[in-house]
Amino acid sequence: MTSSVSTYPCSVAATVDVAGGKWKPLIVHYLLGGTKRFGELRGLIGAVTQRSLTLQLRELESDGIVTRTVFAEVPPRVEYTLTEFGRTLAPVLDAMKQWGDAYLARLEQSAGRRPCS
């Protein structure tokens, strides 16, 4: 773990630090579906750079959310999976998905309206 209790002013700040950001929620989302290799994650996420994905995975590993397994093969194979603790983020991601669905529906609804003239 990279931080201590005194680092955070509240539990929401801790959650945002550990599981928030641009790529971490997507990484956790895809790993909830099962173990993935680096290239699979990168393909699923899309716009993430190799460096950004590597850094985010390292942070998640350091915080006990993700386990990295290296296989002694040629070429080397590395797989990422959620830890038991990492899987406890499932309800958080589910709530984010529900909120996102409602937000997108709202955007679609407002896009269909024309401004008053």
PDB file of N, CA and C in Angstrom:
ATOM      1  N   MET A   1       0.838  -1.177   0.000  1.00  0.00           N
ATOM      2  CA  MET A   1       0.000   0.000   0.000  1.00  0.00           C
ATOM      3  C   MET A   1       0.880   1.237   0.000  1.00  0.00           C
ATOM      4  N   THR A   2       0.424   2.231  -0.700  1.00  0.00           N
ATOM      5  CA  THR A   2       1.249   3.413  -0.894  1.00  0.00           C
ATOM      6  C   THR A   2       0.915   4.554   0.053  1.00  0.00           C
ATOM      7  N   SER A   3      -0.175   4.466   0.805  1.00  0.00           N
ATOM      8  CA  SER A   3      -0.602   5.574   1.644  1.00  0.00           C
ATOM      9  C   SER A   3      -0.927   5.102   3.044  1.00  0.00           C
ATOM     10  N   SER A   4      -1.072   6.070   3.946  1.00  0.00           N
ATOM     11  CA  SER A   4      -1.476   5.761   5.310  1.00  0.00           C
ATOM     12  C   SER A   4      -2.814   6.434   5.580  1.00  0.00           C
ATOM     13  N   VAL A   5      -3.441   6.070   6.693  1.00  0.00           N
ATOM     14  CA  VAL A   5      -4.744   6.623   7.048  1.00  0.00           C
ATOM     15  C   VAL A   5      -4.685   8.143   7.123  1.00  0.00           C
ATOM     16  N   SER A   6      -3.587   8.679   7.628  1.00  0.00           N
ATOM     17  CA  SER A   6      -3.471  10.135   7.791  1.00  0.00           C
ATOM     18  C   SER A   6      -3.379  10.880   6.461  1.00  0.00           C
ATOM     19  N   THR A   7      -3.158  10.172   5.375  1.00  0.00           N
ATOM     20  CA  THR A   7      -3.071  10.790   4.049  1.00  0.00           C
ATOM     21  C   THR A   7      -4.418  11.329   3.585  1.00  0.00           C
ATOM     22  N   TYR A   8      -5.490  10.711   4.029  1.00  0.00           N
ATOM     23  CA  TYR A   8      -6.814  11.001   3.496  1.00  0.00           C
ATOM     24  C   TYR A   8      -7.672  11.797   4.472  1.00  0.00           C
ATOM     25  N   PRO A   9      -8.326  12.859   3.985  1.00  0.00           N
ATOM     26  CA  PRO A   9      -9.221  13.623   4.847  1.00  0.00           C
ATOM     27  C   PRO A   9     -10.533  12.883   5.134  1.00  0.00           C
ATOM     28  N   CYS A  10     -10.898  11.934   4.261  1.00  0.00           N
ATOM     29  CA  CYS A  10     -12.118  11.147   4.466  1.00  0.00           C
ATOM     30  C   CYS A  10     -12.049   9.875   3.618  1.00  0.00           C
ATOM     31  N   SER A  11     -12.997   8.982   3.843  1.00  0.00           N
ATOM     32  CA  SER A  11     -12.986   7.701   3.138  1.00  0.00           C
ATOM     33  C   SER A  11     -13.255   7.854   1.642  1.00  0.00           C
ATOM     34  N   VAL A  12     -14.003   8.870   1.249  1.00  0.00           N
ATOM     35  CA  VAL A  12     -14.244   9.097  -0.181  1.00  0.00           C
ATOM     36  C   VAL A  12     -12.929   9.441  -0.876  1.00  0.00           C
ATOM     37  N   ALA A  13     -12.100  10.245  -0.217  1.00  0.00           N
ATOM     38  CA  ALA A  13     -10.794  10.596  -0.787  1.00  0.00           C
ATOM     39  C   ALA A  13      -9.932   9.351  -0.961  1.00  0.00           C
ATOM     40  N   ALA A  14      -9.990   8.435  -0.002  1.00  0.00           N
ATOM     41  CA  ALA A  14      -9.229   7.185  -0.108  1.00  0.00           C
ATOM     42  C   ALA A  14      -9.723   6.360  -1.292  1.00  0.00           C
ATOM     43  N   THR A  15     -11.037   6.264  -1.449  1.00  0.00           N
ATOM     44  CA  THR A  15     -11.615   5.498  -2.552  1.00  0.00           C
ATOM     45  C   THR A  15     -11.219   6.086  -3.902  1.00  0.00           C
ATOM     46  N   VAL A  16     -11.304   7.400  -4.017  1.00  0.00           N
ATOM     47  CA  VAL A  16     -10.944   8.063  -5.272  1.00  0.00           C
ATOM     48  C   VAL A  16      -9.464   7.858  -5.577  1.00  0.00           C
ATOM     49  N   ASP A  17      -8.618   7.919  -4.553  1.00  0.00           N
ATOM     50  CA  ASP A  17      -7.184   7.735  -4.769  1.00  0.00           C
ATOM     51  C   ASP A  17      -6.865   6.318  -5.236  1.00  0.00           C
ATOM     52  N   VAL A  18      -7.452   5.340  -4.590  1.00  0.00           N
ATOM     53  CA  VAL A  18      -7.129   3.946  -4.884  1.00  0.00           C
ATOM     54  C   VAL A  18      -7.837   3.446  -6.142  1.00  0.00           C
ATOM     55  N   ALA A  19      -9.100   3.791  -6.317  1.00  0.00           N
ATOM     56  CA  ALA A  19      -9.882   3.193  -7.403  1.00  0.00           C
ATOM     57  C   ALA A  19     -10.373   4.197  -8.435  1.00  0.00           C
ATOM     58  N   GLY A  20     -10.042   5.461  -8.273  1.00  0.00           N
ATOM     59  CA  GLY A  20     -10.537   6.480  -9.186  1.00  0.00           C
ATOM     60  C   GLY A  20      -9.529   6.826 -10.260  1.00  0.00           C
ATOM     61  N   GLY A  21      -9.817   7.863 -10.985  1.00  0.00           N
ATOM     62  CA  GLY A  21      -8.932   8.301 -12.053  1.00  0.00           C
ATOM     63  C   GLY A  21      -9.494   7.946 -13.409  1.00  0.00           C
ATOM     64  N   LYS A  22      -8.704   8.206 -14.417  1.00  0.00           N
ATOM     65  CA  LYS A  22      -9.168   8.018 -15.794  1.00  0.00           C
ATOM     66  C   LYS A  22      -9.260   6.546 -16.189  1.00  0.00           C
ATOM     67  N   TRP A  23      -8.312   5.714 -15.741  1.00  0.00           N
ATOM     68  CA  TRP A  23      -8.241   4.339 -16.241  1.00  0.00           C
ATOM     69  C   TRP A  23      -8.548   3.276 -15.200  1.00  0.00           C
ATOM     70  N   LYS A  24      -8.308   3.530 -13.931  1.00  0.00           N
ATOM     71  CA  LYS A  24      -8.486   2.487 -12.912  1.00  0.00           C
ATOM     72  C   LYS A  24      -9.896   1.900 -12.874  1.00  0.00           C
ATOM     73  N   PRO A  25     -10.952   2.718 -12.919  1.00  0.00           N
ATOM     74  CA  PRO A  25     -12.286   2.104 -12.910  1.00  0.00           C
ATOM     75  C   PRO A  25     -12.518   1.171 -14.100  1.00  0.00           C
ATOM     76  N   LEU A  26     -11.995   1.542 -15.268  1.00  0.00           N
ATOM     77  CA  LEU A  26     -12.151   0.674 -16.440  1.00  0.00           C
ATOM     78  C   LEU A  26     -11.342  -0.608 -16.290  1.00  0.00           C
ATOM     79  N   ILE A  27     -10.148  -0.503 -15.734  1.00  0.00           N
ATOM     80  CA  ILE A  27      -9.327  -1.693 -15.494  1.00  0.00           C
ATOM     81  C   ILE A  27     -10.071  -2.645 -14.575  1.00  0.00           C
ATOM     82  N   VAL A  28     -10.574  -2.115 -13.461  1.00  0.00           N
ATOM     83  CA  VAL A  28     -11.311  -2.956 -12.501  1.00  0.00           C
ATOM     84  C   VAL A  28     -12.558  -3.532 -13.165  1.00  0.00           C
ATOM     85  N   HIS A  29     -13.271  -2.712 -13.926  1.00  0.00           N
ATOM     86  CA  HIS A  29     -14.478  -3.177 -14.623  1.00  0.00           C
ATOM     87  C   HIS A  29     -14.177  -4.398 -15.495  1.00  0.00           C
ATOM     88  N   TYR A  30     -13.138  -4.308 -16.305  1.00  0.00           N
ATOM     89  CA  TYR A  30     -12.817  -5.424 -17.199  1.00  0.00           C
ATOM     90  C   TYR A  30     -12.268  -6.626 -16.439  1.00  0.00           C
ATOM     91  N   LEU A  31     -11.535  -6.396 -15.362  1.00  0.00           N
ATOM     92  CA  LEU A  31     -11.017  -7.521 -14.572  1.00  0.00           C
ATOM     93  C   LEU A  31     -12.113  -8.203 -13.760  1.00  0.00           C
ATOM     94  N   LEU A  32     -13.217  -7.514 -13.506  1.00  0.00           N
ATOM     95  CA  LEU A  32     -14.353  -8.173 -12.860  1.00  0.00           C
ATOM     96  C   LEU A  32     -14.884  -9.300 -13.744  1.00  0.00           C
ATOM     97  N   GLY A  33     -14.634  -9.204 -15.041  1.00  0.00           N
ATOM     98  CA  GLY A  33     -15.041 -10.242 -15.982  1.00  0.00           C
ATOM     99  C   GLY A  33     -14.076 -11.411 -16.051  1.00  0.00           C
ATOM    100  N   GLY A  34     -12.962 -11.318 -15.330  1.00  0.00           N
ATOM    101  CA  GLY A  34     -11.992 -12.411 -15.311  1.00  0.00           C
ATOM    102  C   GLY A  34     -10.582 -11.928 -15.597  1.00  0.00           C
ATOM    103  N   THR A  35      -9.649 -12.848 -15.461  1.00  0.00           N
ATOM    104  CA  THR A  35      -8.229 -12.578 -15.668  1.00  0.00           C
ATOM    105  C   THR A  35      -7.985 -12.090 -17.094  1.00  0.00           C
ATOM    106  N   LYS A  36      -7.106 -11.096 -17.210  1.00  0.00           N
ATOM    107  CA  LYS A  36      -6.778 -10.546 -18.526  1.00  0.00           C
ATOM    108  C   LYS A  36      -5.276 -10.354 -18.652  1.00  0.00           C
ATOM    109  N   ARG A  37      -4.795 -10.454 -19.883  1.00  0.00           N
ATOM    110  CA  ARG A  37      -3.407 -10.115 -20.188  1.00  0.00           C
ATOM    111  C   ARG A  37      -3.339  -8.622 -20.488  1.00  0.00           C
ATOM    112  N   PHE A  38      -2.122  -8.084 -20.435  1.00  0.00           N
ATOM    113  CA  PHE A  38      -1.913  -6.656 -20.644  1.00  0.00           C
ATOM    114  C   PHE A  38      -2.514  -6.192 -21.968  1.00  0.00           C
ATOM    115  N   GLY A  39      -2.212  -6.909 -23.037  1.00  0.00           N
ATOM    116  CA  GLY A  39      -2.711  -6.533 -24.358  1.00  0.00           C
ATOM    117  C   GLY A  39      -4.230  -6.569 -24.448  1.00  0.00           C
ATOM    118  N   GLU A  40      -4.841  -7.532 -23.758  1.00  0.00           N
ATOM    119  CA  GLU A  40      -6.305  -7.601 -23.737  1.00  0.00           C
ATOM    120  C   GLU A  40      -6.885  -6.353 -23.087  1.00  0.00           C
ATOM    121  N   LEU A  41      -6.319  -5.995 -21.931  1.00  0.00           N
ATOM    122  CA  LEU A  41      -6.797  -4.801 -21.235  1.00  0.00           C
ATOM    123  C   LEU A  41      -6.630  -3.565 -22.106  1.00  0.00           C
ATOM    124  N   ARG A  42      -5.484  -3.451 -22.718  1.00  0.00           N
ATOM    125  CA  ARG A  42      -5.218  -2.279 -23.556  1.00  0.00           C
ATOM    126  C   ARG A  42      -6.210  -2.216 -24.717  1.00  0.00           C
ATOM    127  N   GLY A  43      -6.503  -3.357 -25.310  1.00  0.00           N
ATOM    128  CA  GLY A  43      -7.469  -3.392 -26.405  1.00  0.00           C
ATOM    129  C   GLY A  43      -8.881  -3.056 -25.963  1.00  0.00           C
ATOM    130  N   LEU A  44      -9.263  -3.533 -24.780  1.00  0.00           N
ATOM    131  CA  LEU A  44     -10.603  -3.259 -24.270  1.00  0.00           C
ATOM    132  C   LEU A  44     -10.783  -1.791 -23.913  1.00  0.00           C
ATOM    133  N   ILE A  45      -9.741  -1.205 -23.326  1.00  0.00           N
ATOM    134  CA  ILE A  45      -9.836   0.186 -22.880  1.00  0.00           C
ATOM    135  C   ILE A  45      -9.727   1.141 -24.056  1.00  0.00           C
ATOM    136  N   GLY A  46      -8.861   0.818 -25.002  1.00  0.00           N
ATOM    137  CA  GLY A  46      -8.774   1.640 -26.203  1.00  0.00           C
ATOM    138  C   GLY A  46      -7.719   2.722 -26.153  1.00  0.00           C
ATOM    139  N   ALA A  47      -8.089   3.914 -25.745  1.00  0.00           N
ATOM    140  CA  ALA A  47      -7.223   5.086 -25.882  1.00  0.00           C
ATOM    141  C   ALA A  47      -6.061   5.155 -24.891  1.00  0.00           C
ATOM    142  N   VAL A  48      -5.941   4.223 -23.984  1.00  0.00           N
ATOM    143  CA  VAL A  48      -4.880   4.271 -22.971  1.00  0.00           C
ATOM    144  C   VAL A  48      -3.518   3.966 -23.602  1.00  0.00           C
ATOM    145  N   THR A  49      -2.490   4.704 -23.167  1.00  0.00           N
ATOM    146  CA  THR A  49      -1.136   4.418 -23.640  1.00  0.00           C
ATOM    147  C   THR A  49      -0.560   3.257 -22.838  1.00  0.00           C
ATOM    148  N   GLN A  50       0.455   2.627 -23.395  1.00  0.00           N
ATOM    149  CA  GLN A  50       1.109   1.516 -22.707  1.00  0.00           C
ATOM    150  C   GLN A  50       1.655   1.980 -21.360  1.00  0.00           C
ATOM    151  N   ARG A  51       2.278   3.147 -21.341  1.00  0.00           N
ATOM    152  CA  ARG A  51       2.854   3.687 -20.102  1.00  0.00           C
ATOM    153  C   ARG A  51       1.781   3.947 -19.044  1.00  0.00           C
ATOM    154  N   SER A  52       0.677   4.574 -19.436  1.00  0.00           N
ATOM    155  CA  SER A  52      -0.399   4.871 -18.486  1.00  0.00           C
ATOM    156  C   SER A  52      -0.996   3.597 -17.912  1.00  0.00           C
ATOM    157  N   LEU A  53      -1.237   2.618 -18.771  1.00  0.00           N
ATOM    158  CA  LEU A  53      -1.806   1.358 -18.303  1.00  0.00           C
ATOM    159  C   LEU A  53      -0.850   0.661 -17.346  1.00  0.00           C
ATOM    160  N   THR A  54       0.425   0.653 -17.678  1.00  0.00           N
ATOM    161  CA  THR A  54       1.431   0.044 -16.803  1.00  0.00           C
ATOM    162  C   THR A  54       1.443   0.713 -15.435  1.00  0.00           C
ATOM    163  N   LEU A  55       1.446   2.042 -15.411  1.00  0.00           N
ATOM    164  CA  LEU A  55       1.469   2.770 -14.137  1.00  0.00           C
ATOM    165  C   LEU A  55       0.216   2.510 -13.314  1.00  0.00           C
ATOM    166  N   GLN A  56      -0.940   2.513 -13.968  1.00  0.00           N
ATOM    167  CA  GLN A  56      -2.195   2.275 -13.253  1.00  0.00           C
ATOM    168  C   GLN A  56      -2.246   0.853 -12.690  1.00  0.00           C
ATOM    169  N   LEU A  57      -1.794  -0.124 -13.463  1.00  0.00           N
ATOM    170  CA  LEU A  57      -1.766  -1.508 -12.980  1.00  0.00           C
ATOM    171  C   LEU A  57      -0.806  -1.656 -11.808  1.00  0.00           C
ATOM    172  N   ARG A  58       0.338  -0.994 -11.858  1.00  0.00           N
ATOM    173  CA  ARG A  58       1.292  -1.048 -10.745  1.00  0.00           C
ATOM    174  C   ARG A  58       0.691  -0.467  -9.473  1.00  0.00           C
ATOM    175  N   GLU A  59      -0.025   0.658  -9.612  1.00  0.00           N
ATOM    176  CA  GLU A  59      -0.664   1.264  -8.447  1.00  0.00           C
ATOM    177  C   GLU A  59      -1.740   0.349  -7.879  1.00  0.00           C
ATOM    178  N   LEU A  60      -2.549  -0.237  -8.752  1.00  0.00           N
ATOM    179  CA  LEU A  60      -3.585  -1.159  -8.287  1.00  0.00           C
ATOM    180  C   LEU A  60      -2.969  -2.376  -7.604  1.00  0.00           C
ATOM    181  N   GLU A  61      -1.857  -2.844  -8.127  1.00  0.00           N
ATOM    182  CA  GLU A  61      -1.152  -3.972  -7.509  1.00  0.00           C
ATOM    183  C   GLU A  61      -0.604  -3.561  -6.146  1.00  0.00           C
ATOM    184  N   SER A  62       0.004  -2.398  -6.069  1.00  0.00           N
ATOM    185  CA  SER A  62       0.568  -1.893  -4.821  1.00  0.00           C
ATOM    186  C   SER A  62      -0.503  -1.713  -3.746  1.00  0.00           C
ATOM    187  N   ASP A  63      -1.713  -1.340  -4.159  1.00  0.00           N
ATOM    188  CA  ASP A  63      -2.809  -1.128  -3.218  1.00  0.00           C
ATOM    189  C   ASP A  63      -3.591  -2.403  -2.907  1.00  0.00           C
ATOM    190  N   GLY A  64      -3.155  -3.532  -3.451  1.00  0.00           N
ATOM    191  CA  GLY A  64      -3.794  -4.805  -3.130  1.00  0.00           C
ATOM    192  C   GLY A  64      -5.084  -5.068  -3.879  1.00  0.00           C
ATOM    193  N   ILE A  65      -5.295  -4.365  -4.987  1.00  0.00           N
ATOM    194  CA  ILE A  65      -6.515  -4.525  -5.774  1.00  0.00           C
ATOM    195  C   ILE A  65      -6.330  -5.566  -6.879  1.00  0.00           C
ATOM    196  N   VAL A  66      -5.122  -5.623  -7.425  1.00  0.00           N
ATOM    197  CA  VAL A  66      -4.807  -6.487  -8.568  1.00  0.00           C
ATOM    198  C   VAL A  66      -3.603  -7.358  -8.242  1.00  0.00           C
ATOM    199  N   THR A  67      -3.620  -8.572  -8.743  1.00  0.00           N
ATOM    200  CA  THR A  67      -2.469  -9.466  -8.666  1.00  0.00           C
ATOM    201  C   THR A  67      -1.894  -9.624 -10.069  1.00  0.00           C
ATOM    202  N   ARG A  68      -0.580  -9.530 -10.155  1.00  0.00           N
ATOM    203  CA  ARG A  68       0.137  -9.693 -11.426  1.00  0.00           C
ATOM    204  C   ARG A  68       0.855 -11.030 -11.365  1.00  0.00           C
ATOM    205  N   THR A  69       0.605 -11.889 -12.354  1.00  0.00           N
ATOM    206  CA  THR A  69       1.245 -13.199 -12.408  1.00  0.00           C
ATOM    207  C   THR A  69       2.080 -13.286 -13.677  1.00  0.00           C
ATOM    208  N   VAL A  70       3.375 -13.578 -13.491  1.00  0.00           N
ATOM    209  CA  VAL A  70       4.298 -13.714 -14.618  1.00  0.00           C
ATOM    210  C   VAL A  70       4.562 -15.195 -14.833  1.00  0.00           C
ATOM    211  N   PHE A  71       4.395 -15.653 -16.063  1.00  0.00           N
ATOM    212  CA  PHE A  71       4.643 -17.041 -16.408  1.00  0.00           C
ATOM    213  C   PHE A  71       5.987 -17.144 -17.118  1.00  0.00           C
ATOM    214  N   ALA A  72       6.779 -18.129 -16.725  1.00  0.00           N
ATOM    215  CA  ALA A  72       8.112 -18.328 -17.318  1.00  0.00           C
ATOM    216  C   ALA A  72       7.965 -19.035 -18.657  1.00  0.00           C
ATOM    217  N   GLU A  73       7.581 -18.274 -19.650  1.00  0.00           N
ATOM    218  CA  GLU A  73       7.388 -18.795 -20.999  1.00  0.00           C
ATOM    219  C   GLU A  73       8.111 -17.885 -21.980  1.00  0.00           C
ATOM    220  N   VAL A  74       8.289 -18.383 -23.177  1.00  0.00           N
ATOM    221  CA  VAL A  74       8.840 -17.559 -24.244  1.00  0.00           C
ATOM    222  C   VAL A  74       7.802 -17.510 -25.355  1.00  0.00           C
ATOM    223  N   PRO A  75       7.273 -16.350 -25.704  1.00  0.00           N
ATOM    224  CA  PRO A  75       7.513 -15.058 -25.059  1.00  0.00           C
ATOM    225  C   PRO A  75       6.866 -15.015 -23.675  1.00  0.00           C
ATOM    226  N   PRO A  76       7.337 -14.104 -22.808  1.00  0.00           N
ATOM    227  CA  PRO A  76       6.788 -14.022 -21.455  1.00  0.00           C
ATOM    228  C   PRO A  76       5.290 -13.709 -21.479  1.00  0.00           C
ATOM    229  N   ARG A  77       4.586 -14.294 -20.540  1.00  0.00           N
ATOM    230  CA  ARG A  77       3.142 -14.055 -20.424  1.00  0.00           C
ATOM    231  C   ARG A  77       2.878 -13.492 -19.041  1.00  0.00           C
ATOM    232  N   VAL A  78       2.127 -12.396 -18.986  1.00  0.00           N
ATOM    233  CA  VAL A  78       1.762 -11.755 -17.725  1.00  0.00           C
ATOM    234  C   VAL A  78       0.247 -11.625 -17.695  1.00  0.00           C
ATOM    235  N   GLU A  79      -0.348 -12.029 -16.577  1.00  0.00           N
ATOM    236  CA  GLU A  79      -1.794 -11.927 -16.427  1.00  0.00           C
ATOM    237  C   GLU A  79      -2.127 -11.111 -15.191  1.00  0.00           C
ATOM    238  N   TYR A  80      -3.252 -10.419 -15.278  1.00  0.00           N
ATOM    239  CA  TYR A  80      -3.733  -9.598 -14.174  1.00  0.00           C
ATOM    240  C   TYR A  80      -5.096 -10.109 -13.748  1.00  0.00           C
ATOM    241  N   THR A  81      -5.296 -10.162 -12.444  1.00  0.00           N
ATOM    242  CA  THR A  81      -6.574 -10.589 -11.901  1.00  0.00           C
ATOM    243  C   THR A  81      -6.873  -9.767 -10.657  1.00  0.00           C
ATOM    244  N   LEU A  82      -8.141  -9.624 -10.346  1.00  0.00           N
ATOM    245  CA  LEU A  82      -8.512  -8.911  -9.130  1.00  0.00           C
ATOM    246  C   LEU A  82      -8.269  -9.796  -7.920  1.00  0.00           C
ATOM    247  N   THR A  83      -7.814  -9.185  -6.855  1.00  0.00           N
ATOM    248  CA  THR A  83      -7.696  -9.895  -5.590  1.00  0.00           C
ATOM    249  C   THR A  83      -9.099 -10.009  -4.987  1.00  0.00           C
ATOM    250  N   GLU A  84      -9.209 -10.750  -3.902  1.00  0.00           N
ATOM    251  CA  GLU A  84     -10.494 -10.828  -3.205  1.00  0.00           C
ATOM    252  C   GLU A  84     -10.924  -9.427  -2.771  1.00  0.00           C
ATOM    253  N   PHE A  85      -9.965  -8.652  -2.266  1.00  0.00           N
ATOM    254  CA  PHE A  85     -10.254  -7.275  -1.861  1.00  0.00           C
ATOM    255  C   PHE A  85     -10.649  -6.428  -3.070  1.00  0.00           C
ATOM    256  N   GLY A  86      -9.994  -6.633  -4.194  1.00  0.00           N
ATOM    257  CA  GLY A  86     -10.330  -5.901  -5.412  1.00  0.00           C
ATOM    258  C   GLY A  86     -11.747  -6.178  -5.880  1.00  0.00           C
ATOM    259  N   ARG A  87     -12.203  -7.409  -5.680  1.00  0.00           N
ATOM    260  CA  ARG A  87     -13.569  -7.764  -6.086  1.00  0.00           C
ATOM    261  C   ARG A  87     -14.622  -7.045  -5.245  1.00  0.00           C
ATOM    262  N   THR A  88     -14.217  -6.528  -4.071  1.00  0.00           N
ATOM    263  CA  THR A  88     -15.186  -5.779  -3.257  1.00  0.00           C
ATOM    264  C   THR A  88     -15.549  -4.443  -3.907  1.00  0.00           C
ATOM    265  N   LEU A  89     -14.848  -4.065  -4.964  1.00  0.00           N
ATOM    266  CA  LEU A  89     -15.193  -2.848  -5.711  1.00  0.00           C
ATOM    267  C   LEU A  89     -16.365  -3.065  -6.670  1.00  0.00           C
ATOM    268  N   ALA A  90     -16.821  -4.296  -6.831  1.00  0.00           N
ATOM    269  CA  ALA A  90     -17.915  -4.583  -7.769  1.00  0.00           C
ATOM    270  C   ALA A  90     -19.153  -3.726  -7.508  1.00  0.00           C
ATOM    271  N   PRO A  91     -19.629  -3.591  -6.259  1.00  0.00           N
ATOM    272  CA  PRO A  91     -20.812  -2.748  -6.044  1.00  0.00           C
ATOM    273  C   PRO A  91     -20.563  -1.270  -6.371  1.00  0.00           C
ATOM    274  N   VAL A  92     -19.341  -0.818  -6.166  1.00  0.00           N
ATOM    275  CA  VAL A  92     -18.992   0.569  -6.491  1.00  0.00           C
ATOM    276  C   VAL A  92     -19.089   0.776  -8.002  1.00  0.00           C
ATOM    277  N   LEU A  93     -18.512  -0.162  -8.764  1.00  0.00           N
ATOM    278  CA  LEU A  93     -18.569  -0.061 -10.229  1.00  0.00           C
ATOM    279  C   LEU A  93     -19.996  -0.221 -10.731  1.00  0.00           C
ATOM    280  N   ASP A  94     -20.783  -1.065 -10.065  1.00  0.00           N
ATOM    281  CA  ASP A  94     -22.179  -1.233 -10.461  1.00  0.00           C
ATOM    282  C   ASP A  94     -22.944   0.074 -10.258  1.00  0.00           C
ATOM    283  N   ALA A  95     -22.701   0.747  -9.137  1.00  0.00           N
ATOM    284  CA  ALA A  95     -23.351   2.038  -8.886  1.00  0.00           C
ATOM    285  C   ALA A  95     -22.917   3.067  -9.930  1.00  0.00           C
ATOM    286  N   MET A  96     -21.641   3.050 -10.301  1.00  0.00           N
ATOM    287  CA  MET A  96     -21.152   3.970 -11.331  1.00  0.00           C
ATOM    288  C   MET A  96     -21.825   3.682 -12.670  1.00  0.00           C
ATOM    289  N   LYS A  97     -22.013   2.392 -12.988  1.00  0.00           N
ATOM    290  CA  LYS A  97     -22.669   2.018 -14.239  1.00  0.00           C
ATOM    291  C   LYS A  97     -24.116   2.504 -14.257  1.00  0.00           C
ATOM    292  N   GLN A  98     -24.815   2.300 -13.142  1.00  0.00           N
ATOM    293  CA  GLN A  98     -26.211   2.740 -13.071  1.00  0.00           C
ATOM    294  C   GLN A  98     -26.313   4.254 -13.235  1.00  0.00           C
ATOM    295  N   TRP A  99     -25.422   4.982 -12.574  1.00  0.00           N
ATOM    296  CA  TRP A  99     -25.426   6.436 -12.693  1.00  0.00           C
ATOM    297  C   TRP A  99     -25.117   6.834 -14.139  1.00  0.00           C
ATOM    298  N   GLY A 100     -24.129   6.184 -14.743  1.00  0.00           N
ATOM    299  CA  GLY A 100     -23.764   6.479 -16.129  1.00  0.00           C
ATOM    300  C   GLY A 100     -24.900   6.198 -17.096  1.00  0.00           C
ATOM    301  N   ASP A 101     -25.621   5.094 -16.865  1.00  0.00           N
ATOM    302  CA  ASP A 101     -26.777   4.785 -17.712  1.00  0.00           C
ATOM    303  C   ASP A 101     -27.820   5.897 -17.628  1.00  0.00           C
ATOM    304  N   ALA A 102     -28.102   6.360 -16.396  1.00  0.00           N
ATOM    305  CA  ALA A 102     -29.086   7.433 -16.203  1.00  0.00           C
ATOM    306  C   ALA A 102     -28.606   8.730 -16.852  1.00  0.00           C
ATOM    307  N   TYR A 103     -27.327   9.005 -16.724  1.00  0.00           N
ATOM    308  CA  TYR A 103     -26.762  10.227 -17.308  1.00  0.00           C
ATOM    309  C   TYR A 103     -26.844  10.193 -18.832  1.00  0.00           C
ATOM    310  N   LEU A 104     -26.480   9.054 -19.418  1.00  0.00           N
ATOM    311  CA  LEU A 104     -26.544   8.936 -20.877  1.00  0.00           C
ATOM    312  C   LEU A 104     -27.981   9.034 -21.382  1.00  0.00           C
ATOM    313  N   ALA A 105     -28.922   8.457 -20.639  1.00  0.00           N
ATOM    314  CA  ALA A 105     -30.333   8.565 -21.020  1.00  0.00           C
ATOM    315  C   ALA A 105     -30.776  10.024 -20.977  1.00  0.00           C
ATOM    316  N   ARG A 106     -30.305  10.741 -19.980  1.00  0.00           N
ATOM    317  CA  ARG A 106     -30.633  12.164 -19.856  1.00  0.00           C
ATOM    318  C   ARG A 106     -30.055  12.952 -21.040  1.00  0.00           C
ATOM    319  N   LEU A 107     -28.810  12.632 -21.413  1.00  0.00           N
ATOM    320  CA  LEU A 107     -28.196  13.304 -22.562  1.00  0.00           C
ATOM    321  C   LEU A 107     -28.968  13.022 -23.842  1.00  0.00           C
ATOM    322  N   GLU A 108     -29.360  11.763 -24.025  1.00  0.00           N
ATOM    323  CA  GLU A 108     -30.120  11.395 -25.222  1.00  0.00           C
ATOM    324  C   GLU A 108     -31.455  12.129 -25.260  1.00  0.00           C
ATOM    325  N   GLN A 109     -32.095  12.230 -24.114  1.00  0.00           N
ATOM    326  CA  GLN A 109     -33.386  12.898 -24.033  1.00  0.00           C
ATOM    327  C   GLN A 109     -33.244  14.386 -24.365  1.00  0.00           C
ATOM    328  N   SER A 110     -32.235  15.020 -23.815  1.00  0.00           N
ATOM    329  CA  SER A 110     -32.065  16.457 -24.065  1.00  0.00           C
ATOM    330  C   SER A 110     -31.579  16.724 -25.489  1.00  0.00           C
ATOM    331  N   ALA A 111     -30.892  15.774 -26.101  1.00  0.00           N
ATOM    332  CA  ALA A 111     -30.426  15.952 -27.480  1.00  0.00           C
ATOM    333  C   ALA A 111     -31.595  15.961 -28.451  1.00  0.00           C
ATOM    334  N   GLY A 112     -32.674  15.287 -28.087  1.00  0.00           N
ATOM    335  CA  GLY A 112     -33.846  15.227 -28.946  1.00  0.00           C
ATOM    336  C   GLY A 112     -34.697  16.487 -28.880  1.00  0.00           C
ATOM    337  N   ARG A 113     -34.457  17.322 -27.895  1.00  0.00           N
ATOM    338  CA  ARG A 113     -35.240  18.549 -27.742  1.00  0.00           C
ATOM    339  C   ARG A 113     -34.593  19.691 -28.507  1.00  0.00           C
ATOM    340  N   ARG A 114     -35.438  20.533 -29.040  1.00  0.00           N
ATOM    341  CA  ARG A 114     -34.932  21.731 -29.718  1.00  0.00           C
ATOM    342  C   ARG A 114     -35.111  22.914 -28.778  1.00  0.00           C
ATOM    343  N   PRO A 115     -34.141  23.816 -28.812  1.00  0.00           N
ATOM    344  CA  PRO A 115     -34.278  24.997 -27.952  1.00  0.00           C
ATOM    345  C   PRO A 115     -35.511  25.818 -28.334  1.00  0.00           C
ATOM    346  N   CYS A 116     -36.096  26.457 -27.359  1.00  0.00           N
ATOM    347  CA  CYS A 116     -37.255  27.327 -27.622  1.00  0.00           C
ATOM    348  C   CYS A 116     -36.823  28.495 -28.494  1.00  0.00           C
ATOM    349  N   SER A 117     -37.661  28.878 -29.437  1.00  0.00           N
ATOM    350  CA  SER A 117     -37.299  30.011 -30.299  1.00  0.00           C
ATOM    351  C   SER A 117     -38.196  31.194 -30.036  1.00  0.00           C
TER     352      SER A 117
END
